[in-house]
Amino acid sequence: VVAAGFILIVLPQRAVDTMSQDLQARSGMTPKQDLVALLYLGDEVKDKEFHIRGVVRNITTQPIERLDASIRLYGSGGNLVETAIVRMDKESFAPDETAEFHLVYLNYDMQFSRYAVDFKLRQGNLVPYKDMRGSRTQD
């Protein structure tokens, strides 16, 4: 009888990013250029609705089309509860232009303790981004 076991290691996103950058540096790979800058990310609870809003800026020299925000919602134990894909308020935005996203989670009853956001193009490619929110930390 062969016994197989899996170990699940949960690390903060910043630790994974640092390990990835170290591995890329050692292998000679260059990280992808950031395409957008995250300017604002905030949340509020209003009338039993959980709202997450964000603003990004196109920091390339080309228009960006069909960009979505991927928002991961975590429970109090750190477990991933849900992932939501949210469209920007514009299908395309030019260099130096901003776009916004807004997630509304209805019937909110404190089921999320934190969240994280990434960006992807609608055809599936992840979009590297620069966090320009200052010294605030959000996974």
C-alpha atoms as a PDB file:
ATOM      1  CA  VAL A   1       0.000   0.000   0.000  1.00  0.00           C
ATOM      2  CA  VAL A   2       1.350   3.362  -0.994  1.00  0.00           C
ATOM      3  CA  ALA A   3       0.430   6.279   1.201  1.00  0.00           C
ATOM      4  CA  ALA A   4       0.535   9.710  -0.288  1.00  0.00           C
ATOM      5  CA  GLY A   5       0.282  12.866   1.731  1.00  0.00           C
ATOM      6  CA  PHE A   6      -0.057  16.466   0.847  1.00  0.00           C
ATOM      7  CA  ILE A   7       1.154  19.338   2.917  1.00  0.00           C
ATOM      8  CA  LEU A   8      -0.587  22.621   2.429  1.00  0.00           C
ATOM      9  CA  ILE A   9       1.535  25.607   3.327  1.00  0.00           C
ATOM     10  CA  VAL A  10      -0.233  28.926   3.520  1.00  0.00           C
ATOM     11  CA  LEU A  11       2.037  31.942   3.214  1.00  0.00           C
ATOM     12  CA  PRO A  12       1.238  35.648   3.084  1.00  0.00           C
ATOM     13  CA  GLN A  13       1.192  37.050  -0.460  1.00  0.00           C
ATOM     14  CA  ARG A  14       4.189  39.294   0.295  1.00  0.00           C
ATOM     15  CA  ALA A  15       6.274  36.242   1.258  1.00  0.00           C
ATOM     16  CA  VAL A  16       5.316  34.471  -1.972  1.00  0.00           C
ATOM     17  CA  ASP A  17       6.155  37.600  -3.993  1.00  0.00           C
ATOM     18  CA  THR A  18       9.566  37.900  -2.315  1.00  0.00           C
ATOM     19  CA  MET A  19      10.380  34.231  -2.926  1.00  0.00           C
ATOM     20  CA  SER A  20       9.289  34.591  -6.548  1.00  0.00           C
ATOM     21  CA  GLN A  21      11.496  37.655  -7.057  1.00  0.00           C
ATOM     22  CA  ASP A  22      14.478  35.884  -5.445  1.00  0.00           C
ATOM     23  CA  LEU A  23      13.977  32.862  -7.691  1.00  0.00           C
ATOM     24  CA  GLN A  24      13.699  35.063 -10.777  1.00  0.00           C
ATOM     25  CA  ALA A  25      16.896  36.923  -9.824  1.00  0.00           C
ATOM     26  CA  ARG A  26      18.819  33.659  -9.338  1.00  0.00           C
ATOM     27  CA  SER A  27      17.555  32.176 -12.604  1.00  0.00           C
ATOM     28  CA  GLY A  28      18.316  35.307 -14.614  1.00  0.00           C
ATOM     29  CA  MET A  29      14.652  35.837 -15.470  1.00  0.00           C
ATOM     30  CA  THR A  30      13.471  39.420 -15.474  1.00  0.00           C
ATOM     31  CA  PRO A  31      10.116  40.167 -13.891  1.00  0.00           C
ATOM     32  CA  LYS A  32       7.353  41.442 -16.154  1.00  0.00           C
ATOM     33  CA  GLN A  33       6.867  45.187 -16.357  1.00  0.00           C
ATOM     34  CA  ASP A  34       4.016  46.598 -14.307  1.00  0.00           C
ATOM     35  CA  LEU A  35       1.065  47.599 -16.490  1.00  0.00           C
ATOM     36  CA  VAL A  36      -1.139  49.366 -13.952  1.00  0.00           C
ATOM     37  CA  ALA A  37      -0.667  51.214 -10.679  1.00  0.00           C
ATOM     38  CA  LEU A  38      -3.100  50.525  -7.843  1.00  0.00           C
ATOM     39  CA  LEU A  39      -3.961  54.000  -6.561  1.00  0.00           C
ATOM     40  CA  TYR A  40      -6.816  53.247  -4.171  1.00  0.00           C
ATOM     41  CA  LEU A  41      -8.356  50.192  -2.518  1.00  0.00           C
ATOM     42  CA  GLY A  42     -10.989  50.571   0.175  1.00  0.00           C
ATOM     43  CA  ASP A  43     -14.057  49.001   1.680  1.00  0.00           C
ATOM     44  CA  GLU A  44     -17.123  49.893   3.672  1.00  0.00           C
ATOM     45  CA  VAL A  45     -20.195  48.199   5.075  1.00  0.00           C
ATOM     46  CA  LYS A  46     -23.450  49.987   4.333  1.00  0.00           C
ATOM     47  CA  ASP A  47     -26.972  48.621   4.840  1.00  0.00           C
ATOM     48  CA  LYS A  48     -25.779  44.982   5.161  1.00  0.00           C
ATOM     49  CA  GLU A  49     -23.779  45.348   1.939  1.00  0.00           C
ATOM     50  CA  PHE A  50     -19.991  44.977   1.779  1.00  0.00           C
ATOM     51  CA  HIS A  51     -18.469  47.352  -0.788  1.00  0.00           C
ATOM     52  CA  ILE A  52     -14.920  47.123  -2.143  1.00  0.00           C
ATOM     53  CA  ARG A  53     -13.748  49.899  -4.449  1.00  0.00           C
ATOM     54  CA  GLY A  54     -10.486  50.387  -6.260  1.00  0.00           C
ATOM     55  CA  VAL A  55      -8.801  52.710  -8.740  1.00  0.00           C
ATOM     56  CA  VAL A  56      -5.956  51.830 -11.101  1.00  0.00           C
ATOM     57  CA  ARG A  57      -3.927  53.922 -13.555  1.00  0.00           C
ATOM     58  CA  ASN A  58      -2.557  52.701 -16.891  1.00  0.00           C
ATOM     59  CA  ILE A  59       1.226  53.198 -16.562  1.00  0.00           C
ATOM     60  CA  THR A  60       2.088  51.893 -20.035  1.00  0.00           C
ATOM     61  CA  THR A  61       2.322  53.669 -23.372  1.00  0.00           C
ATOM     62  CA  GLN A  62      -0.505  51.590 -24.874  1.00  0.00           C
ATOM     63  CA  PRO A  63      -4.246  51.360 -24.091  1.00  0.00           C
ATOM     64  CA  ILE A  64      -5.283  48.512 -21.788  1.00  0.00           C
ATOM     65  CA  GLU A  65      -8.420  46.648 -22.812  1.00  0.00           C
ATOM     66  CA  ARG A  66     -10.723  44.313 -20.908  1.00  0.00           C
ATOM     67  CA  LEU A  67      -9.020  44.500 -17.515  1.00  0.00           C
ATOM     68  CA  ASP A  68     -10.770  42.843 -14.563  1.00  0.00           C
ATOM     69  CA  ALA A  69     -10.085  42.858 -10.825  1.00  0.00           C
ATOM     70  CA  SER A  70      -9.885  39.450  -9.142  1.00  0.00           C
ATOM     71  CA  ILE A  71     -10.857  39.837  -5.487  1.00  0.00           C
ATOM     72  CA  ARG A  72     -10.190  36.988  -3.043  1.00  0.00           C
ATOM     73  CA  LEU A  73     -12.289  37.102   0.146  1.00  0.00           C
ATOM     74  CA  TYR A  74     -10.946  35.323   3.243  1.00  0.00           C
ATOM     75  CA  GLY A  75     -12.712  34.158   6.398  1.00  0.00           C
ATOM     76  CA  SER A  76     -11.556  34.780   9.958  1.00  0.00           C
ATOM     77  CA  GLY A  77      -9.537  31.548   9.958  1.00  0.00           C
ATOM     78  CA  GLY A  78      -7.586  32.676   6.904  1.00  0.00           C
ATOM     79  CA  ASN A  79      -9.417  30.310   4.568  1.00  0.00           C
ATOM     80  CA  LEU A  80     -10.403  31.457   1.087  1.00  0.00           C
ATOM     81  CA  VAL A  81     -14.187  31.848   1.121  1.00  0.00           C
ATOM     82  CA  GLU A  82     -14.849  33.267  -2.312  1.00  0.00           C
ATOM     83  CA  THR A  83     -13.235  34.822  -5.381  1.00  0.00           C
ATOM     84  CA  ALA A  84     -15.068  37.504  -7.348  1.00  0.00           C
ATOM     85  CA  ILE A  85     -14.139  38.808 -10.794  1.00  0.00           C
ATOM     86  CA  VAL A  86     -15.140  42.456 -11.168  1.00  0.00           C
ATOM     87  CA  ARG A  87     -15.049  44.473 -14.377  1.00  0.00           C
ATOM     88  CA  MET A  88     -13.576  47.945 -14.577  1.00  0.00           C
ATOM     89  CA  ASP A  89     -15.879  50.857 -15.328  1.00  0.00           C
ATOM     90  CA  LYS A  90     -14.251  51.131 -18.793  1.00  0.00           C
ATOM     91  CA  GLU A  91     -13.595  48.469 -21.420  1.00  0.00           C
ATOM     92  CA  SER A  92     -10.441  50.316 -22.496  1.00  0.00           C
ATOM     93  CA  PHE A  93      -8.352  53.021 -20.878  1.00  0.00           C
ATOM     94  CA  ALA A  94      -5.523  55.029 -22.404  1.00  0.00           C
ATOM     95  CA  PRO A  95      -2.019  55.634 -21.034  1.00  0.00           C
ATOM     96  CA  ASP A  96      -2.119  57.657 -17.782  1.00  0.00           C
ATOM     97  CA  GLU A  97      -5.928  57.273 -17.600  1.00  0.00           C
ATOM     98  CA  THR A  98      -7.625  55.736 -14.559  1.00  0.00           C
ATOM     99  CA  ALA A  99     -10.281  53.049 -14.285  1.00  0.00           C
ATOM    100  CA  GLU A 100     -12.368  51.965 -11.298  1.00  0.00           C
ATOM    101  CA  PHE A 101     -13.933  48.762 -10.018  1.00  0.00           C
ATOM    102  CA  HIS A 102     -16.653  48.262  -7.430  1.00  0.00           C
ATOM    103  CA  LEU A 103     -17.766  45.007  -5.797  1.00  0.00           C
ATOM    104  CA  VAL A 104     -21.009  44.875  -3.818  1.00  0.00           C
ATOM    105  CA  TYR A 105     -21.525  41.792  -1.661  1.00  0.00           C
ATOM    106  CA  LEU A 106     -25.173  41.608  -0.569  1.00  0.00           C
ATOM    107  CA  ASN A 107     -26.399  40.278   2.806  1.00  0.00           C
ATOM    108  CA  TYR A 108     -22.998  40.782   4.411  1.00  0.00           C
ATOM    109  CA  ASP A 109     -22.816  39.301   7.903  1.00  0.00           C
ATOM    110  CA  MET A 110     -19.102  39.671   8.761  1.00  0.00           C
ATOM    111  CA  GLN A 111     -18.153  36.466   6.894  1.00  0.00           C
ATOM    112  CA  PHE A 112     -14.929  38.063   5.564  1.00  0.00           C
ATOM    113  CA  SER A 113     -12.021  39.211   7.667  1.00  0.00           C
ATOM    114  CA  ARG A 114      -9.733  40.335   4.853  1.00  0.00           C
ATOM    115  CA  TYR A 115      -9.405  40.423   1.084  1.00  0.00           C
ATOM    116  CA  ALA A 116      -6.751  40.648  -1.613  1.00  0.00           C
ATOM    117  CA  VAL A 117      -6.874  41.932  -5.169  1.00  0.00           C
ATOM    118  CA  ASP A 118      -5.060  41.044  -8.379  1.00  0.00           C
ATOM    119  CA  PHE A 119      -5.704  42.077 -11.949  1.00  0.00           C
ATOM    120  CA  LYS A 120      -6.166  40.028 -15.090  1.00  0.00           C
ATOM    121  CA  LEU A 121      -7.066  40.511 -18.693  1.00  0.00           C
ATOM    122  CA  ARG A 122     -10.321  38.928 -19.748  1.00  0.00           C
ATOM    123  CA  GLN A 123      -8.500  36.339 -21.883  1.00  0.00           C
ATOM    124  CA  GLY A 124      -6.893  35.115 -18.649  1.00  0.00           C
ATOM    125  CA  ASN A 125      -3.416  36.662 -18.399  1.00  0.00           C
ATOM    126  CA  LEU A 126      -2.440  38.059 -14.998  1.00  0.00           C
ATOM    127  CA  VAL A 127      -1.449  41.720 -15.108  1.00  0.00           C
ATOM    128  CA  PRO A 128       1.547  42.804 -13.029  1.00  0.00           C
ATOM    129  CA  TYR A 129       0.827  45.948 -11.033  1.00  0.00           C
ATOM    130  CA  LYS A 130       2.567  48.455  -8.802  1.00  0.00           C
ATOM    131  CA  ASP A 131       0.957  49.212  -5.454  1.00  0.00           C
ATOM    132  CA  MET A 132       1.016  53.007  -5.167  1.00  0.00           C
ATOM    133  CA  ARG A 133      -1.143  53.306  -2.040  1.00  0.00           C
ATOM    134  CA  GLY A 134       1.773  54.296   0.195  1.00  0.00           C
ATOM    135  CA  SER A 135       2.793  52.384   3.294  1.00  0.00           C
ATOM    136  CA  ARG A 136      -0.599  50.748   3.951  1.00  0.00           C
ATOM    137  CA  THR A 137      -0.488  46.958   3.916  1.00  0.00           C
ATOM    138  CA  GLN A 138      -3.177  44.824   2.340  1.00  0.00           C
ATOM    139  CA  ASP A 139      -2.330  41.289   1.113  1.00  0.00           C
END
